[in-house]
C-alpha atoms as a PDB file:
ATOM      1  CA  MET A   1     -30.878   5.091  -5.017  1.00  0.00           C
ATOM      2  CA  LEU A   2     -32.862   5.051  -2.051  1.00  0.00           C
ATOM      3  CA  PRO A   3     -34.921   8.703  -1.500  1.00  0.00           C
ATOM      4  CA  CYS A   4     -33.409  11.443   0.330  1.00  0.00           C
ATOM      5  CA  ILE A   5     -34.662  11.620   4.183  1.00  0.00           C
ATOM      6  CA  LEU A   6     -33.967  15.372   4.961  1.00  0.00           C
ATOM      7  CA  PRO A   7     -33.824  15.112   8.627  1.00  0.00           C
ATOM      8  CA  ALA A   8     -34.484  18.797  10.593  1.00  0.00           C
ATOM      9  CA  GLY A   9     -31.492  21.507  10.085  1.00  0.00           C
ATOM     10  CA  LEU A  10     -31.500  23.534   6.912  1.00  0.00           C
ATOM     11  CA  ASP A  11     -30.683  27.443   7.115  1.00  0.00           C
ATOM     12  CA  ASP A  12     -33.170  29.523   5.182  1.00  0.00           C
ATOM     13  CA  ALA A  13     -31.077  31.248   3.630  1.00  0.00           C
ATOM     14  CA  GLU A  14     -30.218  30.787  -0.191  1.00  0.00           C
ATOM     15  CA  PRO A  15     -27.416  28.457  -0.633  1.00  0.00           C
ATOM     16  CA  GLY A  16     -23.966  29.744  -1.780  1.00  0.00           C
ATOM     17  CA  MET A  17     -21.300  26.985  -3.017  1.00  0.00           C
ATOM     18  CA  ARG A  18     -19.122  26.074   0.664  1.00  0.00           C
ATOM     19  CA  THR A  19     -16.317  23.669   1.393  1.00  0.00           C
ATOM     20  CA  LEU A  20     -16.714  21.527   4.374  1.00  0.00           C
ATOM     21  CA  ALA A  21     -13.901  19.415   5.981  1.00  0.00           C
ATOM     22  CA  LEU A  22     -14.527  16.236   7.620  1.00  0.00           C
ATOM     23  CA  ILE A  23     -12.863  13.996  10.045  1.00  0.00           C
ATOM     24  CA  LEU A  24     -13.625  10.467   9.435  1.00  0.00           C
ATOM     25  CA  GLU A  25     -13.090   7.303  11.700  1.00  0.00           C
ATOM     26  CA  TYR A  26     -13.425   3.708   9.802  1.00  0.00           C
ATOM     27  CA  ASP A  27     -12.543  -0.203  10.657  1.00  0.00           C
ATOM     28  CA  GLY A  28     -10.841  -0.824   6.814  1.00  0.00           C
ATOM     29  CA  SER A  29     -11.343  -4.293   8.004  1.00  0.00           C
ATOM     30  CA  ASP A  30     -14.239  -4.886   4.990  1.00  0.00           C
ATOM     31  CA  PHE A  31     -13.104  -2.405   2.726  1.00  0.00           C
ATOM     32  CA  SER A  32     -10.328  -2.189  -0.438  1.00  0.00           C
ATOM     33  CA  GLY A  33      -8.850   1.103   1.133  1.00  0.00           C
ATOM     34  CA  TRP A  34     -10.308   4.302   0.300  1.00  0.00           C
ATOM     35  CA  GLN A  35      -9.592   4.312  -3.573  1.00  0.00           C
ATOM     36  CA  LEU A  36     -12.947   4.029  -5.510  1.00  0.00           C
ATOM     37  CA  GLN A  37     -12.359   0.573  -7.558  1.00  0.00           C
ATOM     38  CA  PRO A  38     -15.066  -0.470  -9.750  1.00  0.00           C
ATOM     39  CA  GLY A  39     -17.246  -3.404  -8.207  1.00  0.00           C
ATOM     40  CA  LYS A  40     -15.095  -3.234  -4.714  1.00  0.00           C
ATOM     41  CA  ARG A  41     -16.460  -1.468  -1.488  1.00  0.00           C
ATOM     42  CA  THR A  42     -14.610   1.343  -0.339  1.00  0.00           C
ATOM     43  CA  VAL A  43     -14.248   4.458   2.360  1.00  0.00           C
ATOM     44  CA  HIS A  44     -14.201   7.002  -0.336  1.00  0.00           C
ATOM     45  CA  ALA A  45     -17.289   4.602  -1.990  1.00  0.00           C
ATOM     46  CA  VAL A  46     -19.700   4.888   0.957  1.00  0.00           C
ATOM     47  CA  VAL A  47     -18.705   8.560   2.098  1.00  0.00           C
ATOM     48  CA  ARG A  48     -19.437  10.260  -0.734  1.00  0.00           C
ATOM     49  CA  ASP A  49     -22.753   7.997  -1.173  1.00  0.00           C
ATOM     50  CA  ALA A  50     -23.883   9.271   2.196  1.00  0.00           C
ATOM     51  CA  ILE A  51     -23.353  12.613   1.250  1.00  0.00           C
ATOM     52  CA  VAL A  52     -25.207  12.230  -2.155  1.00  0.00           C
ATOM     53  CA  ARG A  53     -28.233  10.801  -0.471  1.00  0.00           C
ATOM     54  CA  LEU A  54     -28.200  13.707   1.727  1.00  0.00           C
ATOM     55  CA  VAL A  55     -27.338  16.663  -0.008  1.00  0.00           C
ATOM     56  CA  GLY A  56     -28.664  15.220  -3.573  1.00  0.00           C
ATOM     57  CA  ASP A  57     -25.957  16.621  -5.431  1.00  0.00           C
ATOM     58  CA  GLU A  58     -24.345  13.374  -7.944  1.00  0.00           C
ATOM     59  CA  GLU A  59     -21.513  16.051  -8.557  1.00  0.00           C
ATOM     60  CA  VAL A  60     -19.872  15.939  -5.249  1.00  0.00           C
ATOM     61  CA  VAL A  61     -16.119  15.186  -5.659  1.00  0.00           C
ATOM     62  CA  VAL A  62     -14.474  14.035  -1.746  1.00  0.00           C
ATOM     63  CA  HIS A  63     -10.842  14.683  -1.267  1.00  0.00           C
ATOM     64  CA  CYS A  64      -9.024  12.839   1.357  1.00  0.00           C
ATOM     65  CA  SER A  65      -5.506  13.565   3.254  1.00  0.00           C
ATOM     66  CA  GLY A  66      -4.081  10.646   1.894  1.00  0.00           C
ATOM     67  CA  ARG A  67      -5.253   7.255   0.663  1.00  0.00           C
ATOM     68  CA  THR A  68      -5.447   4.474   2.846  1.00  0.00           C
ATOM     69  CA  ASP A  69      -4.736   0.665   1.399  1.00  0.00           C
ATOM     70  CA  ALA A  70      -7.156  -2.123   1.756  1.00  0.00           C
ATOM     71  CA  GLY A  71      -7.275  -3.781   5.716  1.00  0.00           C
ATOM     72  CA  VAL A  72      -5.820  -0.373   6.964  1.00  0.00           C
ATOM     73  CA  HIS A  73      -7.392   1.505   9.780  1.00  0.00           C
ATOM     74  CA  ALA A  74      -8.363   5.613  10.368  1.00  0.00           C
ATOM     75  CA  ARG A  75      -8.831   7.152  13.684  1.00  0.00           C
ATOM     76  CA  TYR A  76      -8.569  11.026  11.908  1.00  0.00           C
ATOM     77  CA  GLN A  77      -8.559  10.641   8.349  1.00  0.00           C
ATOM     78  CA  VAL A  78      -9.487  14.142   7.034  1.00  0.00           C
ATOM     79  CA  ALA A  79     -11.489  14.808   3.986  1.00  0.00           C
ATOM     80  CA  HIS A  80     -13.674  17.719   2.083  1.00  0.00           C
ATOM     81  CA  PHE A  81     -15.505  18.457  -0.684  1.00  0.00           C
ATOM     82  CA  HIS A  82     -18.129  21.711  -2.095  1.00  0.00           C
ATOM     83  CA  THR A  83     -21.242  21.835  -1.819  1.00  0.00           C
ATOM     84  CA  LYS A  84     -24.338  24.198  -2.080  1.00  0.00           C
ATOM     85  CA  SER A  85     -26.022  22.276   0.711  1.00  0.00           C
ATOM     86  CA  SER A  86     -27.204  24.913   3.407  1.00  0.00           C
ATOM     87  CA  TYR A  87     -27.426  22.005   5.976  1.00  0.00           C
ATOM     88  CA  ARG A  88     -25.624  23.774   9.317  1.00  0.00           C
ATOM     89  CA  VAL A  89     -22.421  22.265   9.854  1.00  0.00           C
ATOM     90  CA  ASP A  90     -24.025  20.935  13.329  1.00  0.00           C
ATOM     91  CA  ALA A  91     -27.199  18.978  11.499  1.00  0.00           C
ATOM     92  CA  PHE A  92     -24.740  17.897   8.929  1.00  0.00           C
ATOM     93  CA  ARG A  93     -22.780  15.580  11.095  1.00  0.00           C
ATOM     94  CA  GLY A  94     -25.629  13.498  12.442  1.00  0.00           C
ATOM     95  CA  ALA A  95     -27.718  13.612   8.929  1.00  0.00           C
ATOM     96  CA  VAL A  96     -24.339  12.028   6.763  1.00  0.00           C
ATOM     97  CA  ASN A  97     -24.200   9.863   9.954  1.00  0.00           C
ATOM     98  CA  HIS A  98     -27.941   8.551   9.265  1.00  0.00           C
ATOM     99  CA  PHE A  99     -26.338   7.555   5.958  1.00  0.00           C
ATOM    100  CA  LEU A 100     -22.961   5.926   6.457  1.00  0.00           C
ATOM    101  CA  PRO A 101     -22.424   2.060   7.694  1.00  0.00           C
ATOM    102  CA  ARG A 102     -21.396   0.752  11.096  1.00  0.00           C
ATOM    103  CA  ASP A 103     -17.389   0.942  10.098  1.00  0.00           C
ATOM    104  CA  VAL A 104     -17.032   4.535   9.346  1.00  0.00           C
ATOM    105  CA  ALA A 105     -18.015   7.395  11.131  1.00  0.00           C
ATOM    106  CA  LEU A 106     -17.903  11.275  11.213  1.00  0.00           C
ATOM    107  CA  VAL A 107     -16.661  12.558  13.828  1.00  0.00           C
ATOM    108  CA  GLY A 108     -16.275  15.887  13.351  1.00  0.00           C
ATOM    109  CA  VAL A 109     -17.328  18.572  10.789  1.00  0.00           C
ATOM    110  CA  ALA A 110     -16.342  22.102  10.272  1.00  0.00           C
ATOM    111  CA  GLU A 111     -17.148  24.502   7.438  1.00  0.00           C
ATOM    112  CA  VAL A 112     -13.317  25.731   5.988  1.00  0.00           C
ATOM    113  CA  PRO A 113     -12.259  28.406   3.355  1.00  0.00           C
ATOM    114  CA  GLU A 114     -12.191  27.792  -0.085  1.00  0.00           C
ATOM    115  CA  SER A 115      -8.301  27.526   0.279  1.00  0.00           C
ATOM    116  CA  PHE A 116      -8.382  24.329   2.126  1.00  0.00           C
ATOM    117  CA  HIS A 117      -7.787  21.131   0.689  1.00  0.00           C
ATOM    118  CA  ALA A 118      -7.246  17.771   2.781  1.00  0.00           C
ATOM    119  CA  ARG A 119      -4.309  16.587   1.153  1.00  0.00           C
ATOM    120  CA  ARG A 120      -2.275  19.845  -0.002  1.00  0.00           C
ATOM    121  CA  ARG A 121      -2.630  21.479   2.739  1.00  0.00           C
ATOM    122  CA  ALA A 122      -1.569  18.887   5.378  1.00  0.00           C
ATOM    123  CA  VAL A 123       1.921  19.835   6.897  1.00  0.00           C
ATOM    124  CA  SER A 124       2.263  16.292   9.256  1.00  0.00           C
ATOM    125  CA  LYS A 125       0.436  12.770   9.484  1.00  0.00           C
ATOM    126  CA  THR A 126       0.480   9.869  12.476  1.00  0.00           C
ATOM    127  CA  TYR A 127       0.586   6.390  11.960  1.00  0.00           C
ATOM    128  CA  ALA A 128       0.239   3.970  14.630  1.00  0.00           C
ATOM    129  CA  TYR A 129       1.150   0.469  14.188  1.00  0.00           C
ATOM    130  CA  ARG A 130      -0.179  -2.332  16.648  1.00  0.00           C
ATOM    131  CA  ILE A 131       1.414  -5.087  17.491  1.00  0.00           C
ATOM    132  CA  LEU A 132       0.458  -8.362  19.363  1.00  0.00           C
ATOM    133  CA  ASN A 133       3.435  -9.596  20.875  1.00  0.00           C
ATOM    134  CA  ARG A 134       2.564 -13.127  22.521  1.00  0.00           C
ATOM    135  CA  ARG A 135       2.313 -16.829  21.703  1.00  0.00           C
ATOM    136  CA  GLN A 136      -1.572 -17.046  22.248  1.00  0.00           C
ATOM    137  CA  PRO A 137      -3.826 -14.934  19.222  1.00  0.00           C
ATOM    138  CA  SER A 138      -6.327 -12.052  19.520  1.00  0.00           C
ATOM    139  CA  ALA A 139     -10.097 -13.570  18.992  1.00  0.00           C
ATOM    140  CA  LEU A 140     -11.167  -9.808  20.041  1.00  0.00           C
ATOM    141  CA  ASP A 141      -8.617  -7.868  18.102  1.00  0.00           C
ATOM    142  CA  ARG A 142      -7.495 -10.485  14.786  1.00  0.00           C
ATOM    143  CA  LEU A 143      -8.716  -7.638  12.336  1.00  0.00           C
ATOM    144  CA  ARG A 144      -6.562  -5.184  14.458  1.00  0.00           C
ATOM    145  CA  VAL A 145      -3.455  -6.042  15.167  1.00  0.00           C
ATOM    146  CA  TRP A 146      -0.529  -7.876  13.371  1.00  0.00           C
ATOM    147  CA  HIS A 147       0.349 -10.895  15.656  1.00  0.00           C
ATOM    148  CA  VAL A 148       3.540 -11.811  15.984  1.00  0.00           C
ATOM    149  CA  VAL A 149       4.505 -14.966  18.422  1.00  0.00           C
ATOM    150  CA  LYS A 150       7.868 -14.698  18.885  1.00  0.00           C
ATOM    151  CA  PRO A 151       9.417 -12.199  21.714  1.00  0.00           C
ATOM    152  CA  LEU A 152      10.447  -9.128  20.171  1.00  0.00           C
ATOM    153  CA  ASP A 153      13.793  -6.787  21.136  1.00  0.00           C
ATOM    154  CA  MET A 154      11.945  -3.581  21.892  1.00  0.00           C
ATOM    155  CA  GLU A 155      15.670  -2.052  22.831  1.00  0.00           C
ATOM    156  CA  ALA A 156      16.748  -3.131  19.309  1.00  0.00           C
ATOM    157  CA  MET A 157      13.596  -1.772  17.453  1.00  0.00           C
ATOM    158  CA  ARG A 158      14.592   1.828  19.091  1.00  0.00           C
ATOM    159  CA  ALA A 159      17.454   1.829  18.091  1.00  0.00           C
ATOM    160  CA  ALA A 160      16.727   1.085  14.462  1.00  0.00           C
ATOM    161  CA  ALA A 161      13.901   3.209  14.503  1.00  0.00           C
ATOM    162  CA  ARG A 162      15.935   6.195  15.289  1.00  0.00           C
ATOM    163  CA  HIS A 163      17.783   5.895  12.381  1.00  0.00           C
ATOM    164  CA  LEU A 164      14.676   6.960  10.112  1.00  0.00           C
ATOM    165  CA  THR A 165      14.123  10.093  11.677  1.00  0.00           C
ATOM    166  CA  GLY A 166      15.173  13.027   9.210  1.00  0.00           C
ATOM    167  CA  ARG A 167      15.293  13.954   5.657  1.00  0.00           C
ATOM    168  CA  HIS A 168      15.453  10.617   3.400  1.00  0.00           C
ATOM    169  CA  ASP A 169      15.232   9.461   0.236  1.00  0.00           C
ATOM    170  CA  PHE A 170      12.463   6.436   1.764  1.00  0.00           C
ATOM    171  CA  VAL A 171      12.325   4.112  -2.018  1.00  0.00           C
ATOM    172  CA  SER A 172      13.915   1.358  -0.368  1.00  0.00           C
ATOM    173  CA  PHE A 173      10.348   1.467   1.937  1.00  0.00           C
ATOM    174  CA  GLN A 174       8.051   1.904  -1.038  1.00  0.00           C
ATOM    175  CA  GLY A 175       5.310  -0.552  -1.983  1.00  0.00           C
ATOM    176  CA  PRO A 176       4.984  -1.621  -5.865  1.00  0.00           C
ATOM    177  CA  ARG A 177       3.092   0.589  -8.735  1.00  0.00           C
ATOM    178  CA  ALA A 178       3.738   3.712  -7.117  1.00  0.00           C
ATOM    179  CA  GLU A 179       3.692   6.950  -8.709  1.00  0.00           C
ATOM    180  CA  VAL A 180       5.103   9.906  -6.992  1.00  0.00           C
ATOM    181  CA  ARG A 181       7.219  12.612  -8.161  1.00  0.00           C
ATOM    182  CA  THR A 182       9.551  12.222  -5.772  1.00  0.00           C
ATOM    183  CA  THR A 183      10.591   9.374  -2.788  1.00  0.00           C
ATOM    184  CA  VAL A 184      11.813  11.725  -0.484  1.00  0.00           C
ATOM    185  CA  ARG A 185      10.074  12.675   2.610  1.00  0.00           C
ATOM    186  CA  THR A 186      10.965  13.860   6.268  1.00  0.00           C
ATOM    187  CA  VAL A 187      10.110  11.909   9.767  1.00  0.00           C
ATOM    188  CA  HIS A 188       9.888  14.293  12.407  1.00  0.00           C
ATOM    189  CA  ALA A 189       9.416  11.641  15.217  1.00  0.00           C
ATOM    190  CA  VAL A 190       9.370   7.461  15.868  1.00  0.00           C
ATOM    191  CA  GLY A 191       8.433   5.676  18.859  1.00  0.00           C
ATOM    192  CA  PHE A 192       7.864   2.589  20.352  1.00  0.00           C
ATOM    193  CA  GLU A 193       5.647   2.249  23.736  1.00  0.00           C
ATOM    194  CA  ARG A 194       4.542  -1.380  24.761  1.00  0.00           C
ATOM    195  CA  GLN A 195       0.776  -2.030  26.509  1.00  0.00           C
ATOM    196  CA  GLY A 196       0.795  -5.440  28.279  1.00  0.00           C
ATOM    197  CA  ASP A 197       1.819  -7.802  25.334  1.00  0.00           C
ATOM    198  CA  GLU A 198       0.616  -5.303  22.718  1.00  0.00           C
ATOM    199  CA  ILE A 199       3.571  -3.246  21.141  1.00  0.00           C
ATOM    200  CA  VAL A 200       2.606   0.402  19.651  1.00  0.00           C
ATOM    201  CA  PHE A 201       4.371   1.934  17.108  1.00  0.00           C
ATOM    202  CA  ARG A 202       4.100   5.537  15.857  1.00  0.00           C
ATOM    203  CA  ILE A 203       6.027   7.614  13.171  1.00  0.00           C
ATOM    204  CA  ALA A 204       5.260  11.431  12.339  1.00  0.00           C
ATOM    205  CA  GLY A 205       6.161  13.036   8.787  1.00  0.00           C
ATOM    206  CA  ASP A 206       5.737  15.262   6.442  1.00  0.00           C
ATOM    207  CA  GLY A 207       4.470  12.598   4.019  1.00  0.00           C
ATOM    208  CA  PHE A 208       4.535   8.833   3.652  1.00  0.00           C
ATOM    209  CA  LEU A 209       5.179   6.874   0.298  1.00  0.00           C
ATOM    210  CA  LYS A 210       2.823   3.761  -0.835  1.00  0.00           C
ATOM    211  CA  GLN A 211       3.066   1.054   1.978  1.00  0.00           C
ATOM    212  CA  MET A 212       6.077   2.739   3.780  1.00  0.00           C
ATOM    213  CA  VAL A 213       5.110   2.638   7.420  1.00  0.00           C
ATOM    214  CA  ARG A 214       4.267  -1.428   6.736  1.00  0.00           C
ATOM    215  CA  ASN A 215       7.649  -1.795   5.151  1.00  0.00           C
ATOM    216  CA  VAL A 216       8.781  -0.073   7.399  1.00  0.00           C
ATOM    217  CA  ILE A 217       7.459  -1.720  10.383  1.00  0.00           C
ATOM    218  CA  GLY A 218       8.446  -5.476   8.814  1.00  0.00           C
ATOM    219  CA  THR A 219      11.613  -4.389   8.833  1.00  0.00           C
ATOM    220  CA  LEU A 220      11.974  -3.549  12.121  1.00  0.00           C
ATOM    221  CA  VAL A 221      10.069  -6.623  13.315  1.00  0.00           C
ATOM    222  CA  GLU A 222      13.526  -8.206  11.565  1.00  0.00           C
ATOM    223  CA  VAL A 223      15.518  -6.253  13.797  1.00  0.00           C
ATOM    224  CA  GLY A 224      13.707  -7.157  16.746  1.00  0.00           C
ATOM    225  CA  LEU A 225      13.371 -11.077  16.031  1.00  0.00           C
ATOM    226  CA  GLY A 226      17.567 -10.717  15.868  1.00  0.00           C
ATOM    227  CA  GLN A 227      17.163 -11.039  12.058  1.00  0.00           C
ATOM    228  CA  ARG A 228      19.179  -8.097  11.238  1.00  0.00           C
ATOM    229  CA  SER A 229      21.038  -4.893  13.038  1.00  0.00           C
ATOM    230  CA  PRO A 230      19.963  -1.562  14.032  1.00  0.00           C
ATOM    231  CA  GLU A 231      22.751  -0.818  12.241  1.00  0.00           C
ATOM    232  CA  ASP A 232      21.633  -1.960   9.149  1.00  0.00           C
ATOM    233  CA  ILE A 233      18.780   0.745   8.585  1.00  0.00           C
ATOM    234  CA  PRO A 234      21.061   3.250   7.568  1.00  0.00           C
ATOM    235  CA  GLY A 235      22.179   0.690   4.319  1.00  0.00           C
ATOM    236  CA  ILE A 236      18.906  -0.137   3.525  1.00  0.00           C
ATOM    237  CA  ILE A 237      18.109   3.896   3.113  1.00  0.00           C
ATOM    238  CA  SER A 238      21.015   4.424   1.257  1.00  0.00           C
ATOM    239  CA  ALA A 239      20.427   1.365  -1.163  1.00  0.00           C
ATOM    240  CA  CYS A 240      17.308   2.865  -2.286  1.00  0.00           C
ATOM    241  CA  ARG A 241      16.124  -0.573  -3.636  1.00  0.00           C
ATOM    242  CA  ARG A 242      12.993  -2.615  -2.026  1.00  0.00           C
ATOM    243  CA  SER A 243      14.746  -5.448  -1.810  1.00  0.00           C
ATOM    244  CA  ALA A 244      17.033  -4.130   0.515  1.00  0.00           C
ATOM    245  CA  ALA A 245      14.563  -3.716   3.177  1.00  0.00           C
ATOM    246  CA  GLY A 246      12.196  -5.990   4.940  1.00  0.00           C
ATOM    247  CA  MET A 247       8.617  -7.702   4.678  1.00  0.00           C
ATOM    248  CA  THR A 248       5.672  -5.823   4.356  1.00  0.00           C
ATOM    249  CA  ALA A 249       3.739  -5.974   7.570  1.00  0.00           C
ATOM    250  CA  PRO A 250      -0.252  -6.923   7.303  1.00  0.00           C
ATOM    251  CA  PRO A 251      -2.408  -4.323   6.650  1.00  0.00           C
ATOM    252  CA  GLN A 252      -4.922  -4.686   9.752  1.00  0.00           C
ATOM    253  CA  GLY A 253      -2.201  -3.134  12.090  1.00  0.00           C
ATOM    254  CA  LEU A 254      -1.906   0.072  10.815  1.00  0.00           C
ATOM    255  CA  TYR A 255      -3.419   3.079  11.496  1.00  0.00           C
ATOM    256  CA  LEU A 256      -3.811   6.390  10.343  1.00  0.00           C
ATOM    257  CA  GLU A 257      -3.745   8.408  13.522  1.00  0.00           C
ATOM    258  CA  ARG A 258      -3.765  12.126  13.234  1.00  0.00           C
ATOM    259  CA  VAL A 259      -3.223  14.922  10.799  1.00  0.00           C
ATOM    260  CA  TYR A 260      -2.110  17.919  10.928  1.00  0.00           C
ATOM    261  CA  TYR A 261      -2.637  21.807   9.236  1.00  0.00           C
ATOM    262  CA  PRO A 262      -1.708  25.320   9.401  1.00  0.00           C
ATOM    263  CA  GLU A 263      -3.733  27.663  11.422  1.00  0.00           C
ATOM    264  CA  PRO A 264      -6.337  28.740  10.860  1.00  0.00           C
ATOM    265  CA  PHE A 265      -7.229  25.261   9.633  1.00  0.00           C
ATOM    266  CA  GLU A 266      -6.086  23.073  12.482  1.00  0.00           C
ATOM    267  CA  SER A 267      -8.245  25.191  14.691  1.00  0.00           C
ATOM    268  CA  MET A 268     -11.131  25.267  12.612  1.00  0.00           C
ATOM    269  CA  LEU A 269     -10.707  21.147  12.469  1.00  0.00           C
ATOM    270  CA  ARG A 270     -10.731  21.119  16.145  1.00  0.00           C
ATOM    271  CA  ASP A 271     -13.839  22.948  16.476  1.00  0.00           C
ATOM    272  CA  GLY A 272     -15.437  20.934  14.286  1.00  0.00           C
ATOM    273  CA  LEU A 273     -15.063  17.936  16.867  1.00  0.00           C
ATOM    274  CA  VAL A 274     -17.254  19.966  19.166  1.00  0.00           C
ATOM    275  CA  PHE A 275     -20.901  19.292  19.143  1.00  0.00           C
ATOM    276  CA  GLN A 276     -23.345  21.117  21.472  1.00  0.00           C
ATOM    277  CA  GLY A 277     -20.964  22.554  23.668  1.00  0.00           C
ATOM    278  CA  GLU A 278     -19.235  18.960  24.468  1.00  0.00           C
ATOM    279  CA  GLY A 279     -15.951  18.115  22.434  1.00  0.00           C
ATOM    280  CA  THR A 280     -15.209  14.646  21.135  1.00  0.00           C
ATOM    281  CA  VAL A 281     -12.102  13.107  22.454  1.00  0.00           C
ATOM    282  CA  LEU A 282     -10.530  10.811  19.901  1.00  0.00           C
ATOM    283  CA  CYS A 283      -8.645   7.876  20.867  1.00  0.00           C
ATOM    284  CA  GLY A 284      -5.063   7.764  20.135  1.00  0.00           C
ATOM    285  CA  THR A 285      -4.839  10.869  18.878  1.00  0.00           C
ATOM    286  CA  GLU A 286      -5.127  13.408  21.824  1.00  0.00           C
ATOM    287  CA  GLY A 287      -1.461  12.362  23.230  1.00  0.00           C
ATOM    288  CA  ASP A 288       0.136  14.458  20.765  1.00  0.00           C
ATOM    289  CA  PHE A 289       2.738  12.075  20.245  1.00  0.00           C
ATOM    290  CA  TYR A 290       4.304  14.796  17.551  1.00  0.00           C
ATOM    291  CA  ASN A 291       2.831  17.830  16.911  1.00  0.00           C
ATOM    292  CA  PRO A 292       4.559  20.831  14.475  1.00  0.00           C
ATOM    293  CA  HIS A 293       2.534  23.827  16.187  1.00  0.00           C
ATOM    294  CA  VAL A 294       4.391  22.865  19.567  1.00  0.00           C
ATOM    295  CA  HIS A 295       7.476  20.834  18.184  1.00  0.00           C
ATOM    296  CA  ARG A 296       8.219  23.634  14.847  1.00  0.00           C
ATOM    297  CA  GLY A 297       5.823  26.171  14.998  1.00  0.00           C
ATOM    298  CA  ASP A 298       3.044  26.922  12.716  1.00  0.00           C
ATOM    299  CA  ALA A 299       3.585  25.568   8.470  1.00  0.00           C
ATOM    300  CA  ASP A 300       2.058  26.968   6.095  1.00  0.00           C
END
């Protein structure tokens, strides 16, 4: 481990245990996902290493809102950890970024109550999936979109996606070797928009199963290609078997776009994006595709 370089920013007060919440952005292209894995480069490992190098505490444990798979990106991943460090919040953000690699950035940090938990207290998440729908591939976005050559029927995909909303058993869209207590989830909203040659799909829900969004988008693309009908979706859901659904879309088009929390945590996290009086605007997260505080009131 390299020696810890301590930039200015320490308070003089005797440190006590604190809970810091982090808002992270990362390019998942060169990571084997979030979760720690021996011998592999993971987002968790580099984030934890940056914090350890700063605060000098080898016992730091970092919890995130949800593990992302290899190759999946995040614009608004939320994590938290406990520390006795007396770093001021505004100094902590820049100091941790000093130790992070270029494909991970700490864009927000907030001190929150001990009762906060990045995963357990989350009430809604939004994922986005980008599809490049043209004959030519992209040189610049080859690791950030799924290139689908044949034209897609947007209206058929929209009609199919509407069947996903509500509370269902989504086991037909669950990836292999997943261990969960229940496969029932609530999807709050779905939507497609076309931006030139790019199609962006968004889905908001109270939680998602392993590879669920990628399996959903793979199935919807089959609808868009005319290989399935929009009316097939209810039958796929009720079948409760993975073989009933379509292909698994590749990871590079998937983004964790937003995570919401009940108040006061949500406001604390938003305040954590403010630095020296100036708020950070995160691309793709400000449109509030689905905001649980607006659409169904505070959840707690």
